[in-house]
Amino acid sequence: MSLLDIPDVFIGSTDDGHTFVVLNRLLREPDRLLTEAGFLAREHLGRKLYLLPPGTAQDAHVRAGGAMYGLLAHTHDLVDLSWTTRWSPSHPAVDPDLYFRISDSTIVVTAKTPTARSLLELHGFALGADGLSYHPRGRLDERGLLGAVTAAEAHAYTHGLSARVDLGLPTPADIPPAGRRPGFASGPATPPPARRRTR
C-alpha cells in the first residue's frame, strides 16, 4: 500500500508540476466537482485519477481549493500534500523552509531555519548522522509516516513557515497502481454457501 491509498481523498503533485487527486472511496459528485475546477479525469493502473496540468501556483491554489471545499462536504478524510497549490502572496514557492522527500516509505526532511528545526524535533523527527537532514524517530508504517508529514507541515504553516513535499513522482505516469485499503472490500460481501445436511 502506498501513502496515496490511505485517506479517502489524496491530493498531491508530481515533479513536473501536475496536481493530482486520488479518490479511494466512492463519493457523491466528485466528477462534477473536479472537472468544473479544471481537473481531467482518467483511468490509471486501476484507479480513477484527476489531473490538473501545470500552471501558475495561484491558479492551482484556486482550482484545487474550490474542489477540496466541495469534497469536504462528503468526507473529512482528505490529505493535501501538493506543492503546486501552495500559493501565498507573502510566501514564494521557491526555497521552502522545510523540504520533505518521500521515497520507498521513508522520509528525509531538510530545514532552513532554527524554528523549522525545532518544529521537526517537536514532531518526533531526529537529526540524521549527516547533521543536515531529519528522519522520523523509530520505525513507522505508512499511516504513521503520512501522519508525521501532515502534522509537521500543517504546524509549519501556522508558524508562517513554507513547506514542500516531494512525493518522488516525476510524472503522472509514475503514480503507483491502486492499492487495497485495509477494511475496504471491492464489493458487497458474499455470504458463504449454506451447508447441506446429509444423513
N, C-alpha and C. Protein backbone atom coordinates (compact mmCIF):
# COMPACT_ATOMS: atom_id res chain seq x y z
N MET A 1 0.85 -1.18 0.00
CA MET A 1 0.00 0.00 0.00
C MET A 1 0.89 1.24 0.00
N SER A 2 0.53 2.24 -0.79
CA SER A 2 1.28 3.49 -0.80
C SER A 2 0.57 4.53 0.05
N LEU A 3 1.25 5.62 0.36
CA LEU A 3 0.65 6.70 1.13
C LEU A 3 -0.60 7.24 0.45
N LEU A 4 -0.64 7.17 -0.87
CA LEU A 4 -1.77 7.70 -1.63
C LEU A 4 -3.06 6.93 -1.35
N ASP A 5 -2.94 5.69 -0.87
CA ASP A 5 -4.11 4.83 -0.67
C ASP A 5 -4.75 4.97 0.70
N ILE A 6 -4.18 5.75 1.60
CA ILE A 6 -4.65 5.78 2.99
C ILE A 6 -5.90 6.63 3.19
N PRO A 7 -5.91 7.92 2.81
CA PRO A 7 -7.12 8.71 3.06
C PRO A 7 -8.18 8.50 1.97
N ASP A 8 -9.41 8.95 2.26
CA ASP A 8 -10.46 8.89 1.24
C ASP A 8 -10.06 9.70 0.01
N VAL A 9 -9.45 10.87 0.24
CA VAL A 9 -9.02 11.76 -0.85
C VAL A 9 -7.58 12.15 -0.61
N PHE A 10 -6.73 11.95 -1.62
CA PHE A 10 -5.33 12.35 -1.53
C PHE A 10 -5.05 13.34 -2.66
N ILE A 11 -4.52 14.49 -2.31
CA ILE A 11 -4.13 15.50 -3.30
C ILE A 11 -2.62 15.64 -3.24
N GLY A 12 -1.98 15.54 -4.39
CA GLY A 12 -0.52 15.64 -4.44
C GLY A 12 -0.05 16.30 -5.71
N SER A 13 1.27 16.33 -5.85
CA SER A 13 1.89 16.93 -7.04
C SER A 13 2.99 16.03 -7.55
N THR A 14 3.16 16.04 -8.86
CA THR A 14 4.30 15.35 -9.47
C THR A 14 5.42 16.37 -9.68
N ASP A 15 6.63 15.87 -9.89
CA ASP A 15 7.78 16.76 -10.06
C ASP A 15 7.61 17.70 -11.25
N ASP A 16 6.88 17.25 -12.28
CA ASP A 16 6.73 18.08 -13.48
C ASP A 16 5.61 19.11 -13.35
N GLY A 17 5.01 19.24 -12.16
CA GLY A 17 4.05 20.31 -11.92
C GLY A 17 2.59 19.96 -12.06
N HIS A 18 2.25 18.69 -12.29
CA HIS A 18 0.84 18.30 -12.31
C HIS A 18 0.31 18.22 -10.87
N THR A 19 -0.92 18.67 -10.68
CA THR A 19 -1.62 18.46 -9.42
C THR A 19 -2.56 17.28 -9.66
N PHE A 20 -2.61 16.33 -8.73
CA PHE A 20 -3.49 15.19 -8.93
C PHE A 20 -4.34 14.93 -7.70
N VAL A 21 -5.49 14.32 -7.96
CA VAL A 21 -6.41 13.91 -6.89
C VAL A 21 -6.69 12.43 -7.08
N VAL A 22 -6.53 11.67 -6.00
CA VAL A 22 -6.84 10.25 -5.99
C VAL A 22 -8.02 10.06 -5.04
N LEU A 23 -9.06 9.37 -5.51
CA LEU A 23 -10.21 9.04 -4.65
C LEU A 23 -10.12 7.57 -4.29
N ASN A 24 -10.12 7.30 -2.99
CA ASN A 24 -10.04 5.92 -2.50
C ASN A 24 -11.37 5.43 -1.96
N ARG A 25 -12.40 6.25 -2.06
CA ARG A 25 -13.73 5.86 -1.61
C ARG A 25 -14.73 6.52 -2.53
N LEU A 26 -15.84 5.84 -2.77
CA LEU A 26 -16.88 6.42 -3.61
C LEU A 26 -17.50 7.61 -2.91
N LEU A 27 -17.53 8.74 -3.57
CA LEU A 27 -18.12 9.96 -3.04
C LEU A 27 -19.16 10.46 -4.04
N ARG A 28 -20.09 11.27 -3.56
CA ARG A 28 -21.09 11.82 -4.46
C ARG A 28 -20.50 13.00 -5.22
N GLU A 29 -20.76 13.04 -6.50
CA GLU A 29 -20.42 14.15 -7.39
C GLU A 29 -18.94 14.51 -7.51
N PRO A 30 -18.00 13.58 -7.36
CA PRO A 30 -16.60 14.01 -7.48
C PRO A 30 -16.25 14.44 -8.90
N ASP A 31 -16.85 13.75 -9.91
CA ASP A 31 -16.54 14.11 -11.30
C ASP A 31 -16.93 15.56 -11.58
N ARG A 32 -18.12 15.93 -11.18
CA ARG A 32 -18.57 17.30 -11.43
C ARG A 32 -17.70 18.31 -10.68
N LEU A 33 -17.44 18.07 -9.40
CA LEU A 33 -16.65 19.00 -8.60
C LEU A 33 -15.26 19.20 -9.18
N LEU A 34 -14.62 18.10 -9.57
CA LEU A 34 -13.24 18.18 -10.03
C LEU A 34 -13.13 18.66 -11.47
N THR A 35 -14.04 18.21 -12.34
CA THR A 35 -13.95 18.67 -13.74
C THR A 35 -14.34 20.14 -13.87
N GLU A 36 -15.30 20.60 -13.07
CA GLU A 36 -15.63 22.02 -13.10
C GLU A 36 -14.46 22.89 -12.62
N ALA A 37 -13.60 22.30 -11.77
CA ALA A 37 -12.41 23.03 -11.29
C ALA A 37 -11.26 22.94 -12.29
N GLY A 38 -11.44 22.20 -13.39
CA GLY A 38 -10.40 22.12 -14.41
C GLY A 38 -9.58 20.85 -14.40
N PHE A 39 -9.91 19.89 -13.53
CA PHE A 39 -9.19 18.62 -13.50
C PHE A 39 -9.68 17.71 -14.62
N LEU A 40 -8.79 16.94 -15.18
CA LEU A 40 -9.12 15.99 -16.24
C LEU A 40 -9.16 14.58 -15.64
N ALA A 41 -10.27 13.87 -15.85
CA ALA A 41 -10.42 12.52 -15.31
C ALA A 41 -9.77 11.51 -16.24
N ARG A 42 -9.08 10.53 -15.65
CA ARG A 42 -8.53 9.44 -16.46
C ARG A 42 -8.33 8.20 -15.60
N GLU A 43 -8.35 7.05 -16.25
CA GLU A 43 -8.09 5.79 -15.56
C GLU A 43 -6.58 5.56 -15.56
N HIS A 44 -6.06 5.13 -14.43
CA HIS A 44 -4.61 4.93 -14.33
C HIS A 44 -4.32 3.77 -13.40
N LEU A 45 -3.88 2.65 -13.95
CA LEU A 45 -3.45 1.49 -13.19
C LEU A 45 -4.44 1.09 -12.09
N GLY A 46 -5.70 0.99 -12.48
CA GLY A 46 -6.72 0.54 -11.55
C GLY A 46 -7.33 1.60 -10.66
N ARG A 47 -6.99 2.84 -10.91
CA ARG A 47 -7.58 3.90 -10.09
C ARG A 47 -8.07 5.04 -10.97
N LYS A 48 -9.08 5.76 -10.47
CA LYS A 48 -9.57 6.96 -11.16
C LYS A 48 -8.70 8.11 -10.66
N LEU A 49 -8.11 8.80 -11.60
CA LEU A 49 -7.17 9.87 -11.28
C LEU A 49 -7.68 11.16 -11.90
N TYR A 50 -7.54 12.25 -11.18
CA TYR A 50 -7.94 13.57 -11.69
C TYR A 50 -6.68 14.42 -11.76
N LEU A 51 -6.39 14.96 -12.93
CA LEU A 51 -5.16 15.72 -13.15
C LEU A 51 -5.43 17.17 -13.51
N LEU A 52 -4.65 18.06 -12.92
CA LEU A 52 -4.66 19.47 -13.29
C LEU A 52 -3.30 19.74 -13.92
N PRO A 53 -3.27 20.13 -15.21
CA PRO A 53 -1.99 20.35 -15.87
C PRO A 53 -1.19 21.46 -15.20
N PRO A 54 0.12 21.47 -15.40
CA PRO A 54 0.96 22.51 -14.79
C PRO A 54 0.47 23.91 -15.17
N GLY A 55 0.53 24.80 -14.24
CA GLY A 55 0.13 26.20 -14.45
C GLY A 55 0.75 27.04 -13.37
N THR A 56 0.12 28.16 -13.07
CA THR A 56 0.65 29.01 -12.01
C THR A 56 0.19 28.47 -10.65
N ALA A 57 0.98 28.73 -9.60
CA ALA A 57 0.63 28.28 -8.26
C ALA A 57 -0.69 28.92 -7.81
N GLN A 58 -0.91 30.16 -8.19
CA GLN A 58 -2.14 30.83 -7.78
C GLN A 58 -3.36 30.17 -8.43
N ASP A 59 -3.26 29.84 -9.71
CA ASP A 59 -4.36 29.18 -10.41
C ASP A 59 -4.64 27.81 -9.81
N ALA A 60 -3.58 27.01 -9.58
CA ALA A 60 -3.76 25.68 -8.99
C ALA A 60 -4.34 25.79 -7.58
N HIS A 61 -3.91 26.79 -6.83
CA HIS A 61 -4.41 27.03 -5.47
C HIS A 61 -5.93 27.28 -5.50
N VAL A 62 -6.37 28.11 -6.41
CA VAL A 62 -7.79 28.45 -6.50
C VAL A 62 -8.60 27.26 -6.98
N ARG A 63 -8.13 26.58 -8.02
CA ARG A 63 -8.88 25.45 -8.58
C ARG A 63 -8.96 24.28 -7.60
N ALA A 64 -7.82 23.89 -7.04
CA ALA A 64 -7.83 22.76 -6.10
C ALA A 64 -8.58 23.13 -4.82
N GLY A 65 -8.45 24.38 -4.39
CA GLY A 65 -9.15 24.82 -3.18
C GLY A 65 -10.66 24.72 -3.33
N GLY A 66 -11.18 25.13 -4.48
CA GLY A 66 -12.62 25.04 -4.73
C GLY A 66 -13.09 23.59 -4.74
N ALA A 67 -12.31 22.72 -5.40
CA ALA A 67 -12.69 21.30 -5.46
C ALA A 67 -12.61 20.67 -4.07
N MET A 68 -11.57 21.03 -3.30
CA MET A 68 -11.40 20.47 -1.97
C MET A 68 -12.57 20.87 -1.06
N TYR A 69 -12.98 22.11 -1.18
CA TYR A 69 -14.11 22.59 -0.38
C TYR A 69 -15.36 21.75 -0.68
N GLY A 70 -15.60 21.47 -1.95
CA GLY A 70 -16.75 20.64 -2.32
C GLY A 70 -16.62 19.21 -1.82
N LEU A 71 -15.41 18.64 -1.88
CA LEU A 71 -15.21 17.27 -1.43
C LEU A 71 -15.36 17.14 0.09
N LEU A 72 -15.02 18.20 0.83
CA LEU A 72 -15.14 18.16 2.28
C LEU A 72 -16.60 18.04 2.74
N ALA A 73 -17.53 18.35 1.86
CA ALA A 73 -18.93 18.16 2.19
C ALA A 73 -19.29 16.67 2.26
N HIS A 74 -18.42 15.81 1.68
CA HIS A 74 -18.69 14.37 1.62
C HIS A 74 -17.75 13.53 2.47
N THR A 75 -16.58 14.07 2.83
CA THR A 75 -15.63 13.36 3.70
C THR A 75 -14.66 14.37 4.31
N HIS A 76 -14.23 14.08 5.52
CA HIS A 76 -13.18 14.89 6.16
C HIS A 76 -11.86 14.15 6.13
N ASP A 77 -11.85 12.95 5.56
CA ASP A 77 -10.63 12.16 5.45
C ASP A 77 -9.92 12.56 4.16
N LEU A 78 -9.32 13.75 4.17
CA LEU A 78 -8.70 14.33 2.99
C LEU A 78 -7.31 14.81 3.37
N VAL A 79 -6.32 14.45 2.56
CA VAL A 79 -4.93 14.87 2.79
C VAL A 79 -4.47 15.62 1.56
N ASP A 80 -3.92 16.82 1.77
CA ASP A 80 -3.39 17.62 0.67
C ASP A 80 -1.90 17.86 0.91
N LEU A 81 -1.07 17.17 0.14
CA LEU A 81 0.38 17.35 0.22
C LEU A 81 0.94 17.92 -1.09
N SER A 82 0.09 18.59 -1.85
CA SER A 82 0.54 19.12 -3.14
C SER A 82 1.35 20.41 -2.95
N TRP A 83 2.48 20.47 -3.59
CA TRP A 83 3.28 21.70 -3.54
C TRP A 83 2.81 22.69 -4.60
N THR A 84 2.15 22.21 -5.62
CA THR A 84 1.72 23.10 -6.71
C THR A 84 0.60 24.04 -6.29
N THR A 85 -0.15 23.68 -5.25
CA THR A 85 -1.27 24.52 -4.82
C THR A 85 -0.89 25.46 -3.69
N ARG A 86 0.34 25.41 -3.23
CA ARG A 86 0.77 26.25 -2.12
C ARG A 86 1.12 27.63 -2.65
N TRP A 87 0.18 28.52 -2.55
CA TRP A 87 0.40 29.88 -3.04
C TRP A 87 0.01 30.88 -1.96
N SER A 88 0.86 31.84 -1.78
CA SER A 88 0.57 32.94 -0.86
C SER A 88 1.34 34.14 -1.37
N PRO A 89 0.72 35.32 -1.39
CA PRO A 89 1.45 36.50 -1.88
C PRO A 89 2.69 36.80 -1.04
N SER A 90 2.68 36.36 0.23
CA SER A 90 3.82 36.67 1.11
C SER A 90 4.86 35.56 1.16
N HIS A 91 4.55 34.38 0.60
CA HIS A 91 5.48 33.24 0.65
C HIS A 91 5.70 32.68 -0.75
N PRO A 92 6.78 33.04 -1.40
CA PRO A 92 7.06 32.42 -2.70
C PRO A 92 7.32 30.92 -2.55
N ALA A 93 6.98 30.17 -3.58
CA ALA A 93 7.08 28.71 -3.52
C ALA A 93 8.52 28.20 -3.57
N VAL A 94 9.46 29.03 -4.03
CA VAL A 94 10.84 28.56 -4.16
C VAL A 94 11.53 28.59 -2.80
N ASP A 95 12.49 27.71 -2.62
CA ASP A 95 13.33 27.67 -1.44
C ASP A 95 12.52 27.61 -0.13
N PRO A 96 11.77 26.53 0.09
CA PRO A 96 10.92 26.45 1.28
C PRO A 96 11.75 26.28 2.56
N ASP A 97 11.12 26.64 3.69
CA ASP A 97 11.78 26.47 5.00
C ASP A 97 11.94 25.00 5.35
N LEU A 98 10.98 24.17 4.96
CA LEU A 98 11.01 22.73 5.19
C LEU A 98 10.83 22.01 3.86
N TYR A 99 11.67 21.02 3.62
CA TYR A 99 11.57 20.26 2.37
C TYR A 99 11.49 18.77 2.73
N PHE A 100 10.32 18.16 2.51
CA PHE A 100 10.10 16.75 2.79
C PHE A 100 10.31 15.95 1.50
N ARG A 101 11.11 14.90 1.57
CA ARG A 101 11.29 14.00 0.43
C ARG A 101 10.83 12.61 0.86
N ILE A 102 9.84 12.08 0.13
CA ILE A 102 9.29 10.76 0.45
C ILE A 102 9.67 9.79 -0.66
N SER A 103 10.23 8.66 -0.27
CA SER A 103 10.54 7.62 -1.26
C SER A 103 10.60 6.27 -0.56
N ASP A 104 9.99 5.28 -1.18
CA ASP A 104 10.02 3.91 -0.65
C ASP A 104 9.69 3.86 0.84
N SER A 105 8.63 4.54 1.25
CA SER A 105 8.15 4.55 2.63
C SER A 105 9.18 5.11 3.62
N THR A 106 10.04 6.01 3.15
CA THR A 106 10.95 6.71 4.04
C THR A 106 10.79 8.21 3.83
N ILE A 107 11.14 8.97 4.84
CA ILE A 107 11.04 10.42 4.76
C ILE A 107 12.37 11.03 5.19
N VAL A 108 12.84 11.97 4.39
CA VAL A 108 14.02 12.76 4.74
C VAL A 108 13.58 14.22 4.67
N VAL A 109 13.89 14.98 5.69
CA VAL A 109 13.46 16.39 5.74
C VAL A 109 14.67 17.27 5.97
N THR A 110 14.73 18.37 5.23
CA THR A 110 15.75 19.38 5.50
C THR A 110 15.04 20.64 5.97
N ALA A 111 15.70 21.36 6.87
CA ALA A 111 15.12 22.56 7.46
C ALA A 111 16.11 23.70 7.32
N LYS A 112 15.60 24.87 6.91
CA LYS A 112 16.46 26.03 6.67
C LYS A 112 16.72 26.89 7.90
N THR A 113 15.81 26.89 8.84
CA THR A 113 15.90 27.84 9.95
C THR A 113 15.86 27.11 11.29
N PRO A 114 16.32 27.76 12.35
CA PRO A 114 16.22 27.15 13.69
C PRO A 114 14.77 26.86 14.08
N THR A 115 13.83 27.73 13.70
CA THR A 115 12.42 27.49 14.00
C THR A 115 11.93 26.23 13.31
N ALA A 116 12.31 26.06 12.05
CA ALA A 116 11.91 24.86 11.31
C ALA A 116 12.51 23.61 11.94
N ARG A 117 13.77 23.68 12.38
CA ARG A 117 14.41 22.52 13.03
C ARG A 117 13.71 22.18 14.35
N SER A 118 13.38 23.19 15.13
CA SER A 118 12.68 22.96 16.40
C SER A 118 11.33 22.31 16.17
N LEU A 119 10.64 22.76 15.14
CA LEU A 119 9.33 22.22 14.82
C LEU A 119 9.44 20.74 14.46
N LEU A 120 10.44 20.38 13.68
CA LEU A 120 10.62 18.97 13.32
C LEU A 120 10.89 18.13 14.56
N GLU A 121 11.72 18.62 15.45
CA GLU A 121 12.03 17.86 16.67
C GLU A 121 10.78 17.70 17.53
N LEU A 122 9.95 18.74 17.57
CA LEU A 122 8.70 18.68 18.32
C LEU A 122 7.78 17.58 17.78
N HIS A 123 7.85 17.32 16.46
CA HIS A 123 7.01 16.30 15.83
C HIS A 123 7.70 14.94 15.70
N GLY A 124 8.75 14.74 16.46
CA GLY A 124 9.37 13.42 16.51
C GLY A 124 10.39 13.12 15.45
N PHE A 125 10.91 14.14 14.78
CA PHE A 125 11.97 13.92 13.80
C PHE A 125 13.32 14.11 14.49
N ALA A 126 14.29 13.31 14.13
CA ALA A 126 15.62 13.37 14.73
C ALA A 126 16.65 13.73 13.66
N LEU A 127 17.66 14.46 14.08
CA LEU A 127 18.74 14.85 13.16
C LEU A 127 19.52 13.61 12.75
N GLY A 128 19.77 13.49 11.45
CA GLY A 128 20.49 12.34 10.92
C GLY A 128 21.98 12.43 11.15
N ALA A 129 22.67 11.37 10.82
CA ALA A 129 24.13 11.30 11.02
C ALA A 129 24.86 12.35 10.19
N ASP A 130 24.25 12.80 9.09
CA ASP A 130 24.91 13.81 8.25
C ASP A 130 24.85 15.21 8.88
N GLY A 131 24.07 15.37 9.93
CA GLY A 131 23.97 16.66 10.60
C GLY A 131 23.16 17.70 9.84
N LEU A 132 22.52 17.29 8.73
CA LEU A 132 21.77 18.23 7.90
C LEU A 132 20.32 17.86 7.73
N SER A 133 20.03 16.57 7.70
CA SER A 133 18.66 16.12 7.42
C SER A 133 18.05 15.43 8.63
N TYR A 134 16.71 15.41 8.62
CA TYR A 134 15.95 14.82 9.72
C TYR A 134 15.18 13.60 9.22
N HIS A 135 14.98 12.65 10.14
CA HIS A 135 14.25 11.42 9.85
C HIS A 135 13.29 11.16 11.00
N PRO A 136 12.19 10.46 10.78
CA PRO A 136 11.30 10.12 11.91
C PRO A 136 12.04 9.22 12.90
N ARG A 137 11.80 9.47 14.19
CA ARG A 137 12.36 8.58 15.20
C ARG A 137 11.58 7.27 15.17
N GLY A 138 12.29 6.18 15.24
CA GLY A 138 11.62 4.87 15.26
C GLY A 138 11.11 4.48 13.89
N ARG A 139 10.57 3.27 13.84
CA ARG A 139 10.06 2.74 12.58
C ARG A 139 8.56 2.99 12.51
N LEU A 140 8.11 3.63 11.43
CA LEU A 140 6.70 3.94 11.26
C LEU A 140 6.13 3.20 10.05
N ASP A 141 4.88 2.78 10.15
CA ASP A 141 4.22 2.21 8.97
C ASP A 141 3.76 3.37 8.08
N GLU A 142 3.12 3.05 6.96
CA GLU A 142 2.71 4.08 6.01
C GLU A 142 1.78 5.12 6.64
N ARG A 143 0.83 4.64 7.46
CA ARG A 143 -0.11 5.56 8.11
C ARG A 143 0.63 6.49 9.07
N GLY A 144 1.61 5.95 9.81
CA GLY A 144 2.41 6.76 10.72
C GLY A 144 3.25 7.79 9.99
N LEU A 145 3.84 7.39 8.85
CA LEU A 145 4.63 8.32 8.04
C LEU A 145 3.76 9.46 7.51
N LEU A 146 2.58 9.10 7.01
CA LEU A 146 1.67 10.13 6.48
C LEU A 146 1.26 11.09 7.60
N GLY A 147 0.96 10.55 8.77
CA GLY A 147 0.59 11.39 9.90
C GLY A 147 1.70 12.32 10.33
N ALA A 148 2.95 11.83 10.32
CA ALA A 148 4.09 12.65 10.72
C ALA A 148 4.29 13.82 9.76
N VAL A 149 4.17 13.56 8.47
CA VAL A 149 4.35 14.62 7.47
C VAL A 149 3.22 15.63 7.54
N THR A 150 1.98 15.16 7.57
CA THR A 150 0.85 16.10 7.57
C THR A 150 0.84 16.96 8.83
N ALA A 151 1.16 16.38 9.98
CA ALA A 151 1.16 17.16 11.22
C ALA A 151 2.26 18.22 11.20
N ALA A 152 3.47 17.83 10.78
CA ALA A 152 4.58 18.79 10.76
C ALA A 152 4.34 19.88 9.72
N GLU A 153 3.81 19.50 8.55
CA GLU A 153 3.58 20.50 7.50
C GLU A 153 2.49 21.49 7.92
N ALA A 154 1.41 20.99 8.49
CA ALA A 154 0.32 21.88 8.93
C ALA A 154 0.80 22.81 10.03
N HIS A 155 1.59 22.29 10.97
CA HIS A 155 2.12 23.12 12.06
C HIS A 155 3.06 24.19 11.50
N ALA A 156 3.84 23.83 10.49
CA ALA A 156 4.75 24.81 9.88
C ALA A 156 3.99 26.01 9.34
N TYR A 157 2.87 25.77 8.68
CA TYR A 157 2.09 26.88 8.11
C TYR A 157 1.51 27.78 9.18
N THR A 158 1.18 27.21 10.36
CA THR A 158 0.66 28.06 11.43
C THR A 158 1.74 28.99 11.98
N HIS A 159 3.00 28.64 11.75
CA HIS A 159 4.12 29.48 12.18
C HIS A 159 4.65 30.36 11.05
N GLY A 160 3.95 30.37 9.93
CA GLY A 160 4.38 31.18 8.80
C GLY A 160 5.57 30.62 8.04
N LEU A 161 5.83 29.32 8.23
CA LEU A 161 6.94 28.67 7.52
C LEU A 161 6.41 28.04 6.24
N SER A 162 7.21 28.07 5.20
CA SER A 162 6.82 27.42 3.95
C SER A 162 7.33 25.98 3.96
N ALA A 163 6.61 25.09 3.28
CA ALA A 163 6.99 23.68 3.22
C ALA A 163 6.69 23.13 1.83
N ARG A 164 7.49 22.18 1.44
CA ARG A 164 7.23 21.48 0.18
C ARG A 164 7.40 19.99 0.41
N VAL A 165 6.46 19.22 -0.12
CA VAL A 165 6.52 17.76 -0.01
C VAL A 165 6.77 17.19 -1.39
N ASP A 166 7.88 16.49 -1.53
CA ASP A 166 8.25 15.83 -2.77
C ASP A 166 7.87 14.36 -2.62
N LEU A 167 6.87 13.92 -3.38
CA LEU A 167 6.36 12.55 -3.27
C LEU A 167 7.20 11.54 -4.06
N GLY A 168 8.23 12.00 -4.74
CA GLY A 168 9.06 11.09 -5.53
C GLY A 168 8.37 10.56 -6.77
N LEU A 169 7.49 11.40 -7.35
CA LEU A 169 6.75 11.02 -8.56
C LEU A 169 7.11 11.99 -9.68
N PRO A 170 8.00 11.62 -10.58
CA PRO A 170 8.42 12.55 -11.64
C PRO A 170 7.27 13.03 -12.53
N THR A 171 6.39 12.13 -12.94
CA THR A 171 5.27 12.48 -13.83
C THR A 171 4.02 11.72 -13.38
N PRO A 172 2.83 12.07 -13.90
CA PRO A 172 1.64 11.29 -13.55
C PRO A 172 1.76 9.80 -13.88
N ALA A 173 2.54 9.45 -14.89
CA ALA A 173 2.72 8.03 -15.24
C ALA A 173 3.38 7.25 -14.11
N ASP A 174 4.06 7.94 -13.19
CA ASP A 174 4.76 7.28 -12.08
C ASP A 174 3.90 7.10 -10.84
N ILE A 175 2.65 7.57 -10.88
CA ILE A 175 1.75 7.36 -9.74
C ILE A 175 1.51 5.86 -9.63
N PRO A 176 1.68 5.30 -8.42
CA PRO A 176 1.58 3.84 -8.28
C PRO A 176 0.17 3.32 -8.54
N PRO A 177 0.06 2.02 -8.86
CA PRO A 177 -1.25 1.43 -9.07
C PRO A 177 -2.10 1.49 -7.81
N ALA A 178 -3.40 1.34 -7.99
CA ALA A 178 -4.31 1.37 -6.85
C ALA A 178 -3.98 0.23 -5.90
N GLY A 179 -3.95 0.55 -4.64
CA GLY A 179 -3.76 -0.46 -3.61
C GLY A 179 -5.09 -0.78 -2.98
N ARG A 180 -5.11 -1.74 -2.15
CA ARG A 180 -6.35 -2.09 -1.46
C ARG A 180 -6.25 -1.61 -0.02
N ARG A 181 -7.18 -0.77 0.36
CA ARG A 181 -7.17 -0.25 1.72
C ARG A 181 -7.66 -1.31 2.69
N PRO A 182 -6.97 -1.47 3.83
CA PRO A 182 -7.43 -2.45 4.82
C PRO A 182 -8.85 -2.11 5.28
N GLY A 183 -9.68 -3.13 5.37
CA GLY A 183 -11.04 -2.93 5.86
C GLY A 183 -12.03 -2.49 4.79
N PHE A 184 -11.56 -2.28 3.56
CA PHE A 184 -12.47 -1.89 2.49
C PHE A 184 -12.50 -3.00 1.47
N ALA A 185 -13.67 -3.49 1.20
CA ALA A 185 -13.84 -4.53 0.19
C ALA A 185 -14.20 -3.89 -1.13
N SER A 186 -13.94 -4.58 -2.20
CA SER A 186 -14.25 -4.02 -3.52
C SER A 186 -15.73 -4.11 -3.84
N GLY A 187 -16.48 -4.88 -3.10
CA GLY A 187 -17.91 -5.01 -3.34
C GLY A 187 -18.58 -5.58 -2.12
N PRO A 188 -19.87 -5.81 -2.20
CA PRO A 188 -20.56 -6.37 -1.04
C PRO A 188 -20.06 -7.76 -0.71
N ALA A 189 -19.98 -8.05 0.56
CA ALA A 189 -19.51 -9.36 0.98
C ALA A 189 -20.51 -10.42 0.56
N THR A 190 -20.00 -11.54 0.12
CA THR A 190 -20.86 -12.65 -0.28
C THR A 190 -20.89 -13.65 0.86
N PRO A 191 -22.08 -13.99 1.37
CA PRO A 191 -22.13 -14.96 2.48
C PRO A 191 -21.68 -16.33 2.00
N PRO A 192 -21.09 -17.11 2.91
CA PRO A 192 -20.69 -18.45 2.49
C PRO A 192 -21.93 -19.29 2.17
N PRO A 193 -21.80 -20.27 1.28
CA PRO A 193 -22.96 -21.09 0.95
C PRO A 193 -23.42 -21.87 2.17
N ALA A 194 -24.75 -22.07 2.27
CA ALA A 194 -25.29 -22.84 3.39
C ALA A 194 -24.85 -24.29 3.29
N ARG A 195 -24.51 -24.85 4.45
CA ARG A 195 -24.11 -26.27 4.45
C ARG A 195 -25.35 -27.12 4.36
N ARG A 196 -25.27 -28.13 3.54
CA ARG A 196 -26.39 -29.06 3.40
C ARG A 196 -26.20 -30.20 4.37
N ARG A 197 -27.26 -30.48 5.07
CA ARG A 197 -27.21 -31.62 6.00
C ARG A 197 -27.30 -32.93 5.22
N THR A 198 -26.48 -33.82 5.60
CA THR A 198 -26.54 -35.15 4.96
C THR A 198 -26.89 -36.18 6.03
N ARG A 199 -27.53 -37.21 5.59
CA ARG A 199 -27.90 -38.28 6.53
C ARG A 199 -26.91 -39.37 6.52
